[in-house]
N, C-alpha and C. Protein backbone atom coordinates (compact mmCIF):
# COMPACT_ATOMS: atom_id res chain seq x y z
N MET A 1 27.51 -5.94 13.14
CA MET A 1 26.71 -4.98 13.87
C MET A 1 25.72 -4.27 12.93
N LEU A 2 26.21 -3.92 11.74
CA LEU A 2 25.36 -3.24 10.78
C LEU A 2 24.20 -4.14 10.35
N LEU A 3 24.47 -5.42 10.16
CA LEU A 3 23.41 -6.35 9.75
C LEU A 3 22.34 -6.48 10.84
N ILE A 4 22.74 -6.47 12.08
CA ILE A 4 21.78 -6.53 13.18
C ILE A 4 20.91 -5.28 13.18
N LEU A 5 21.53 -4.15 13.01
CA LEU A 5 20.80 -2.88 12.97
C LEU A 5 19.81 -2.86 11.80
N LEU A 6 20.25 -3.31 10.62
CA LEU A 6 19.36 -3.37 9.47
C LEU A 6 18.20 -4.34 9.72
N GLY A 7 18.48 -5.44 10.39
CA GLY A 7 17.43 -6.39 10.73
C GLY A 7 16.40 -5.79 11.67
N ILE A 8 16.85 -5.05 12.65
CA ILE A 8 15.95 -4.40 13.61
C ILE A 8 15.09 -3.36 12.91
N VAL A 9 15.71 -2.56 12.03
CA VAL A 9 14.97 -1.54 11.28
C VAL A 9 13.93 -2.22 10.38
N GLY A 10 14.31 -3.29 9.70
CA GLY A 10 13.38 -4.02 8.83
C GLY A 10 12.22 -4.61 9.61
N LEU A 11 12.50 -5.17 10.77
CA LEU A 11 11.45 -5.74 11.62
C LEU A 11 10.50 -4.64 12.11
N ALA A 12 11.04 -3.52 12.53
CA ALA A 12 10.21 -2.41 13.00
C ALA A 12 9.33 -1.88 11.86
N TYR A 13 9.88 -1.77 10.67
CA TYR A 13 9.11 -1.31 9.51
C TYR A 13 7.98 -2.28 9.20
N GLY A 14 8.26 -3.57 9.22
CA GLY A 14 7.24 -4.58 8.97
C GLY A 14 6.12 -4.55 9.99
N LEU A 15 6.48 -4.39 11.26
CA LEU A 15 5.47 -4.31 12.32
C LEU A 15 4.62 -3.05 12.18
N LEU A 16 5.24 -1.95 11.79
CA LEU A 16 4.50 -0.70 11.58
C LEU A 16 3.50 -0.85 10.43
N LYS A 17 3.91 -1.48 9.35
CA LYS A 17 3.02 -1.70 8.20
C LYS A 17 1.86 -2.62 8.58
N LYS A 18 2.15 -3.65 9.36
CA LYS A 18 1.09 -4.57 9.79
C LYS A 18 0.09 -3.83 10.68
N GLN A 19 0.58 -3.00 11.57
CA GLN A 19 -0.29 -2.22 12.45
C GLN A 19 -1.15 -1.25 11.63
N GLN A 20 -0.54 -0.60 10.63
CA GLN A 20 -1.28 0.32 9.77
C GLN A 20 -2.37 -0.42 9.00
N LYS A 21 -2.04 -1.58 8.47
CA LYS A 21 -3.02 -2.38 7.74
C LYS A 21 -4.18 -2.78 8.63
N ASN A 22 -3.89 -3.27 9.83
CA ASN A 22 -4.95 -3.68 10.76
C ASN A 22 -5.84 -2.51 11.15
N TYR A 23 -5.23 -1.34 11.37
CA TYR A 23 -6.01 -0.14 11.72
C TYR A 23 -6.96 0.23 10.59
N LEU A 24 -6.45 0.24 9.35
CA LEU A 24 -7.29 0.62 8.21
C LEU A 24 -8.41 -0.39 7.98
N LEU A 25 -8.13 -1.66 8.13
CA LEU A 25 -9.17 -2.68 7.93
C LEU A 25 -10.26 -2.57 9.00
N LYS A 26 -9.87 -2.15 10.19
CA LYS A 26 -10.82 -2.06 11.30
C LYS A 26 -11.56 -0.72 11.32
N SER A 27 -10.85 0.38 11.06
CA SER A 27 -11.42 1.71 11.26
C SER A 27 -11.53 2.56 10.00
N GLY A 28 -11.00 2.09 8.88
CA GLY A 28 -10.98 2.89 7.68
C GLY A 28 -12.33 2.94 6.97
N ILE A 29 -12.44 3.87 6.04
CA ILE A 29 -13.62 3.99 5.21
C ILE A 29 -13.46 3.04 4.02
N LYS A 30 -14.47 2.23 3.78
CA LYS A 30 -14.42 1.25 2.71
C LYS A 30 -15.05 1.84 1.45
N THR A 31 -14.37 1.66 0.31
CA THR A 31 -14.91 2.09 -0.97
C THR A 31 -14.33 1.20 -2.07
N ILE A 32 -14.75 1.44 -3.29
CA ILE A 32 -14.25 0.69 -4.43
C ILE A 32 -13.32 1.59 -5.24
N GLY A 33 -12.20 1.03 -5.66
CA GLY A 33 -11.26 1.75 -6.50
C GLY A 33 -10.94 0.94 -7.74
N ILE A 34 -10.23 1.56 -8.66
CA ILE A 34 -9.80 0.94 -9.91
C ILE A 34 -8.28 0.97 -9.95
N VAL A 35 -7.67 -0.15 -10.29
CA VAL A 35 -6.22 -0.19 -10.46
C VAL A 35 -5.89 0.50 -11.78
N ALA A 36 -5.29 1.67 -11.70
CA ALA A 36 -4.99 2.46 -12.88
C ALA A 36 -3.63 2.08 -13.49
N ASP A 37 -2.71 1.63 -12.63
CA ASP A 37 -1.35 1.37 -13.10
C ASP A 37 -0.58 0.68 -11.98
N HIS A 38 0.69 0.40 -12.23
CA HIS A 38 1.62 -0.09 -11.22
C HIS A 38 2.90 0.72 -11.34
N GLU A 39 3.51 1.03 -10.21
CA GLU A 39 4.82 1.66 -10.22
C GLU A 39 5.83 0.64 -9.72
N LEU A 40 6.94 0.56 -10.41
CA LEU A 40 7.97 -0.40 -10.06
C LEU A 40 8.97 0.26 -9.14
N GLY A 41 9.24 -0.39 -8.03
CA GLY A 41 10.23 0.08 -7.08
C GLY A 41 11.20 -1.04 -6.78
N SER A 42 12.14 -0.78 -5.92
CA SER A 42 13.13 -1.79 -5.55
C SER A 42 13.22 -1.93 -4.05
N MET A 43 13.56 -3.13 -3.62
CA MET A 43 13.83 -3.39 -2.21
C MET A 43 15.27 -3.89 -2.14
N TYR A 44 16.05 -3.26 -1.32
CA TYR A 44 17.45 -3.65 -1.22
C TYR A 44 17.68 -4.48 0.02
N GLY A 45 18.60 -5.31 -0.03
CA GLY A 45 18.99 -6.20 1.06
C GLY A 45 20.09 -7.07 0.50
N SER A 46 20.12 -8.31 0.89
CA SER A 46 21.12 -9.21 0.34
C SER A 46 20.81 -9.52 -1.12
N ILE A 47 19.53 -9.41 -1.49
CA ILE A 47 19.11 -9.65 -2.87
C ILE A 47 18.27 -8.45 -3.30
N ARG A 48 18.52 -7.95 -4.49
CA ARG A 48 17.72 -6.84 -5.01
C ARG A 48 16.43 -7.41 -5.58
N LYS A 49 15.30 -6.91 -5.12
CA LYS A 49 14.00 -7.38 -5.57
C LYS A 49 13.21 -6.24 -6.17
N SER A 50 12.45 -6.54 -7.21
CA SER A 50 11.52 -5.57 -7.77
C SER A 50 10.21 -5.65 -6.99
N ILE A 51 9.66 -4.51 -6.68
CA ILE A 51 8.40 -4.43 -5.94
C ILE A 51 7.42 -3.62 -6.78
N TYR A 52 6.20 -4.15 -6.92
CA TYR A 52 5.15 -3.47 -7.67
C TYR A 52 4.18 -2.81 -6.70
N TYR A 53 4.00 -1.51 -6.89
CA TYR A 53 3.06 -0.73 -6.07
C TYR A 53 1.86 -0.37 -6.92
N PRO A 54 0.67 -0.87 -6.57
CA PRO A 54 -0.51 -0.52 -7.38
C PRO A 54 -0.86 0.96 -7.23
N VAL A 55 -1.25 1.57 -8.34
CA VAL A 55 -1.75 2.94 -8.35
C VAL A 55 -3.26 2.83 -8.48
N ILE A 56 -3.98 3.35 -7.50
CA ILE A 56 -5.43 3.18 -7.41
C ILE A 56 -6.14 4.52 -7.58
N GLU A 57 -7.22 4.51 -8.35
CA GLU A 57 -8.11 5.67 -8.45
C GLU A 57 -9.37 5.35 -7.65
N PHE A 58 -9.76 6.28 -6.79
CA PHE A 58 -10.99 6.10 -6.02
C PHE A 58 -11.57 7.45 -5.66
N GLU A 59 -12.84 7.44 -5.33
CA GLU A 59 -13.53 8.65 -4.92
C GLU A 59 -13.59 8.66 -3.39
N ASP A 60 -13.15 9.77 -2.79
CA ASP A 60 -13.18 9.85 -1.33
C ASP A 60 -14.57 10.24 -0.84
N ASN A 61 -14.72 10.36 0.48
CA ASN A 61 -16.04 10.66 1.05
C ASN A 61 -16.51 12.08 0.76
N GLU A 62 -15.65 12.91 0.17
CA GLU A 62 -16.06 14.26 -0.25
C GLU A 62 -16.38 14.30 -1.74
N GLY A 63 -16.33 13.15 -2.40
CA GLY A 63 -16.62 13.07 -3.82
C GLY A 63 -15.48 13.44 -4.74
N LYS A 64 -14.27 13.59 -4.19
CA LYS A 64 -13.11 13.94 -5.00
C LYS A 64 -12.44 12.68 -5.52
N LEU A 65 -12.07 12.69 -6.80
CA LEU A 65 -11.36 11.56 -7.40
C LEU A 65 -9.90 11.63 -7.01
N ARG A 66 -9.39 10.58 -6.46
CA ARG A 66 -7.99 10.49 -6.03
C ARG A 66 -7.27 9.44 -6.86
N ARG A 67 -6.02 9.69 -7.18
CA ARG A 67 -5.16 8.72 -7.87
C ARG A 67 -3.86 8.66 -7.08
N LEU A 68 -3.68 7.54 -6.37
CA LEU A 68 -2.56 7.44 -5.44
C LEU A 68 -1.85 6.10 -5.57
N LYS A 69 -0.55 6.14 -5.30
CA LYS A 69 0.25 4.92 -5.24
C LYS A 69 0.13 4.33 -3.84
N SER A 70 -0.10 3.04 -3.77
CA SER A 70 -0.21 2.37 -2.48
C SER A 70 1.15 2.31 -1.80
N ASP A 71 1.15 2.39 -0.47
CA ASP A 71 2.37 2.19 0.31
C ASP A 71 2.72 0.72 0.42
N PHE A 72 1.76 -0.14 0.07
CA PHE A 72 1.94 -1.58 0.18
C PHE A 72 2.33 -2.13 -1.19
N GLY A 73 3.56 -2.64 -1.30
CA GLY A 73 4.06 -3.20 -2.55
C GLY A 73 4.12 -4.71 -2.50
N TYR A 74 4.22 -5.31 -3.66
CA TYR A 74 4.21 -6.77 -3.78
C TYR A 74 5.30 -7.22 -4.74
N ASN A 75 5.73 -8.47 -4.61
CA ASN A 75 6.77 -9.03 -5.47
C ASN A 75 6.30 -9.24 -6.90
N PHE A 76 5.01 -9.24 -7.11
CA PHE A 76 4.43 -9.41 -8.44
C PHE A 76 3.16 -8.56 -8.50
N LYS A 77 2.60 -8.40 -9.68
CA LYS A 77 1.40 -7.59 -9.82
C LYS A 77 0.20 -8.38 -9.31
N VAL A 78 -0.19 -8.08 -8.08
CA VAL A 78 -1.31 -8.78 -7.43
C VAL A 78 -2.62 -8.44 -8.12
N PHE A 79 -2.74 -7.21 -8.58
CA PHE A 79 -3.96 -6.73 -9.21
C PHE A 79 -3.71 -6.46 -10.69
N LYS A 80 -4.73 -6.68 -11.50
CA LYS A 80 -4.64 -6.39 -12.93
C LYS A 80 -5.05 -4.94 -13.18
N GLN A 81 -4.51 -4.36 -14.25
CA GLN A 81 -4.89 -3.00 -14.61
C GLN A 81 -6.38 -2.97 -14.93
N ASN A 82 -7.06 -1.93 -14.48
CA ASN A 82 -8.51 -1.71 -14.61
C ASN A 82 -9.35 -2.62 -13.72
N GLN A 83 -8.72 -3.39 -12.85
CA GLN A 83 -9.46 -4.26 -11.92
C GLN A 83 -10.08 -3.41 -10.82
N GLN A 84 -11.32 -3.72 -10.46
CA GLN A 84 -11.95 -3.08 -9.32
C GLN A 84 -11.45 -3.76 -8.05
N VAL A 85 -11.12 -2.96 -7.03
CA VAL A 85 -10.65 -3.49 -5.76
C VAL A 85 -11.31 -2.73 -4.62
N GLU A 86 -11.54 -3.42 -3.52
CA GLU A 86 -11.97 -2.73 -2.31
C GLU A 86 -10.76 -2.04 -1.72
N ILE A 87 -10.96 -0.84 -1.23
CA ILE A 87 -9.90 -0.18 -0.49
C ILE A 87 -10.48 0.34 0.82
N TYR A 88 -9.59 0.49 1.77
CA TYR A 88 -9.91 1.09 3.06
C TYR A 88 -8.94 2.26 3.24
N TYR A 89 -9.49 3.44 3.54
CA TYR A 89 -8.61 4.58 3.73
C TYR A 89 -8.96 5.31 5.02
N ASP A 90 -7.99 6.02 5.53
CA ASP A 90 -8.12 6.78 6.77
C ASP A 90 -8.96 8.03 6.48
N ASN A 91 -10.00 8.25 7.25
CA ASN A 91 -10.88 9.40 6.99
C ASN A 91 -10.22 10.74 7.29
N THR A 92 -9.11 10.74 8.01
CA THR A 92 -8.40 11.99 8.28
C THR A 92 -7.25 12.22 7.31
N ASN A 93 -6.86 11.17 6.57
CA ASN A 93 -5.77 11.29 5.60
C ASN A 93 -5.98 10.25 4.50
N PHE A 94 -6.60 10.67 3.41
CA PHE A 94 -6.93 9.74 2.33
C PHE A 94 -5.70 9.09 1.70
N ARG A 95 -4.51 9.67 1.92
CA ARG A 95 -3.28 9.08 1.36
C ARG A 95 -2.90 7.77 2.05
N LYS A 96 -3.45 7.56 3.23
CA LYS A 96 -3.22 6.29 3.94
C LYS A 96 -4.35 5.34 3.57
N PHE A 97 -4.04 4.40 2.68
CA PHE A 97 -5.06 3.45 2.24
C PHE A 97 -4.42 2.11 1.95
N ILE A 98 -5.27 1.10 1.87
CA ILE A 98 -4.81 -0.25 1.53
C ILE A 98 -5.81 -0.88 0.58
N PRO A 99 -5.30 -1.40 -0.55
CA PRO A 99 -6.19 -2.15 -1.46
C PRO A 99 -6.32 -3.59 -0.98
N CYS A 100 -7.50 -4.16 -1.18
CA CYS A 100 -7.73 -5.54 -0.78
C CYS A 100 -8.20 -6.36 -1.96
């Protein structure tokens, strides 16, 4: 029963992230950021996996420099440090962003 519940929670989380990504790609503000670093996190399940979350620096539409960890993590470092990346962020909440 617990495994079914964990599966449902995992599926719901994945669908929420996909919806957030699609919203940002469609409606977000596009800008260029720099990969400043990566933060290492973990994903638990039947196998413990390391997840790399890129830390991106970018200037928002008010001209403020932001340095934020992405909510989207990867099994390996998708981006190199100091790499320029396109990002899309929510104009009402700059903390919601996705690097591309």
